[in-house]
Protein backbone atom coordinates (compact mmCIF):
# COMPACT_ATOMS: atom_id res chain seq x y z
CA MET A 1 -39.23 50.94 -4.70
CA ALA A 2 -39.95 49.55 -8.17
CA GLU A 3 -37.30 51.46 -9.78
CA LEU A 4 -34.70 49.85 -7.18
CA GLN A 5 -36.19 46.33 -7.89
CA ARG A 6 -35.51 47.23 -11.84
CA PHE A 7 -31.91 48.41 -11.25
CA ASN A 8 -31.09 45.32 -9.11
CA MET A 9 -32.56 43.31 -11.99
CA ASP A 10 -30.48 45.01 -14.82
CA LYS A 11 -27.42 44.74 -12.38
CA ASN A 12 -27.99 40.76 -12.01
CA MET A 13 -28.35 40.22 -15.76
CA LYS A 14 -26.05 37.93 -17.32
CA LYS A 15 -23.80 39.66 -20.02
CA LEU A 16 -22.82 37.56 -22.73
CA THR A 17 -19.27 36.32 -23.44
CA LYS A 18 -17.49 37.59 -26.74
CA GLU A 19 -18.01 34.05 -27.98
CA GLU A 20 -21.77 34.11 -27.43
CA LEU A 21 -22.15 37.51 -28.75
CA ASN A 22 -20.15 36.49 -32.07
CA GLN A 23 -21.97 33.45 -32.47
CA ARG A 24 -25.38 35.28 -32.15
CA ALA A 25 -24.14 38.07 -34.52
CA SER A 26 -23.01 35.56 -37.08
CA ASN A 27 -26.44 33.78 -36.70
CA LYS A 28 -28.22 36.92 -37.64
CA ALA A 29 -25.91 37.80 -40.64
CA PHE A 30 -26.33 34.50 -41.87
CA SER A 31 -30.19 34.55 -41.74
CA LYS A 32 -30.26 38.12 -43.06
CA ILE A 33 -28.08 37.18 -45.86
CA PHE A 34 -30.06 34.01 -46.85
CA HIS A 35 -33.16 36.06 -46.75
CA LEU A 36 -31.93 38.73 -48.91
CA GLU A 37 -30.41 36.43 -51.40
CA GLU A 38 -34.12 34.90 -51.55
CA ASP A 39 -35.44 38.71 -52.03
CA LEU A 40 -32.83 39.37 -54.72
CA LYS A 41 -33.82 36.45 -56.72
CA GLN A 42 -37.33 37.13 -56.47
CA ALA A 43 -36.61 40.61 -57.56
CA LYS A 44 -34.71 39.71 -60.56
CA LYS A 45 -37.41 37.34 -61.64
CA ASP A 46 -39.93 40.37 -61.21
CA VAL A 47 -37.73 42.91 -63.27
CA ARG A 48 -37.43 40.14 -66.18
CA THR A 49 -41.34 39.10 -66.01
CA GLY A 50 -42.90 42.42 -64.76
CA GLY A 51 -44.03 41.03 -61.73
CA ASP A 52 -47.55 40.81 -61.27
CA GLY A 53 -48.32 44.12 -62.89
CA ARG A 54 -49.09 46.34 -59.99
CA PHE A 55 -45.75 48.06 -60.13
CA SER A 56 -44.01 49.75 -62.86
CA THR A 57 -40.57 48.25 -64.19
CA GLU A 58 -38.67 51.35 -62.81
CA LEU A 59 -39.92 50.81 -59.33
CA LEU A 60 -39.03 46.90 -59.75
CA GLU A 61 -35.67 48.24 -60.78
CA VAL A 62 -35.50 50.46 -57.84
CA CYS A 63 -36.17 47.43 -55.31
CA ARG A 64 -34.04 44.94 -57.06
CA ASP A 65 -30.88 47.46 -56.62
CA SER A 66 -31.72 48.43 -53.00
CA THR A 67 -31.80 44.68 -52.12
CA ASP A 68 -28.62 44.25 -53.98
CA ARG A 69 -27.08 47.06 -51.93
CA GLU A 70 -28.44 45.71 -48.88
CA LEU A 71 -27.05 42.33 -49.38
CA GLN A 72 -23.69 44.01 -50.26
CA THR A 73 -23.89 45.54 -46.84
CA TRP A 74 -24.83 42.57 -45.14
CA ASN A 75 -21.79 40.59 -46.65
CA TYR A 76 -19.71 43.24 -45.64
CA ILE A 77 -21.03 43.17 -41.85
CA ALA A 78 -20.73 39.08 -41.86
CA GLN A 79 -16.99 39.50 -42.75
CA LEU A 80 -16.32 41.89 -39.94
CA ILE A 81 -17.87 39.29 -37.65
CA GLU A 82 -15.89 36.62 -39.43
CA LEU A 83 -12.62 38.67 -38.91
CA ASP A 84 -13.82 39.31 -35.11
CA ASN A 85 -14.38 35.46 -34.68
CA THR A 86 -11.41 34.24 -32.77
CA GLU A 87 -12.55 30.62 -32.65
CA GLY A 88 -12.83 30.45 -36.44
CA THR A 89 -16.04 28.78 -36.07
CA THR A 90 -18.57 30.75 -38.36
CA ASN A 91 -21.79 30.53 -40.20
CA VAL A 92 -20.20 33.02 -43.09
CA LYS A 93 -18.59 30.35 -45.03
CA ALA A 94 -21.37 27.86 -44.97
CA LEU A 95 -23.74 30.61 -45.92
CA LYS A 96 -21.66 31.44 -49.03
CA ASP A 97 -21.17 27.88 -49.69
CA LEU A 98 -24.86 27.54 -49.58
CA ILE A 99 -25.73 30.57 -51.81
CA SER A 100 -23.09 29.33 -54.54
CA LEU A 101 -24.84 25.84 -54.43
CA ASN A 102 -28.32 27.59 -54.64
CA THR A 103 -27.27 29.79 -57.76
CA TYR A 104 -25.70 26.81 -59.36
CA ASN A 105 -28.80 24.87 -58.95
CA GLU A 106 -30.69 27.75 -60.71
CA GLU A 107 -28.59 27.78 -63.66
């Protein structure tokens, strides 16, 4: 009986539209890229300063490089989402503008 109720609940769940899915995916990519940008800035700073001394410079460099690769991957995912976005409204361009502003302000 419980399995039948679960089946009926699953059957009645509303599926997201393509627009809703695209917006949710864009929001998730936007958030992930923003946080990875912050992590990368901190990782670069840690490599320059030696961090708090708990980790070797080599390990800090590995973390920096790993974060950079992760950021490249998420930028690619965001581009794919942007290409799939038929409405043309996306957070990816806004994110890139924000990152450019953030980078400009730090220099």
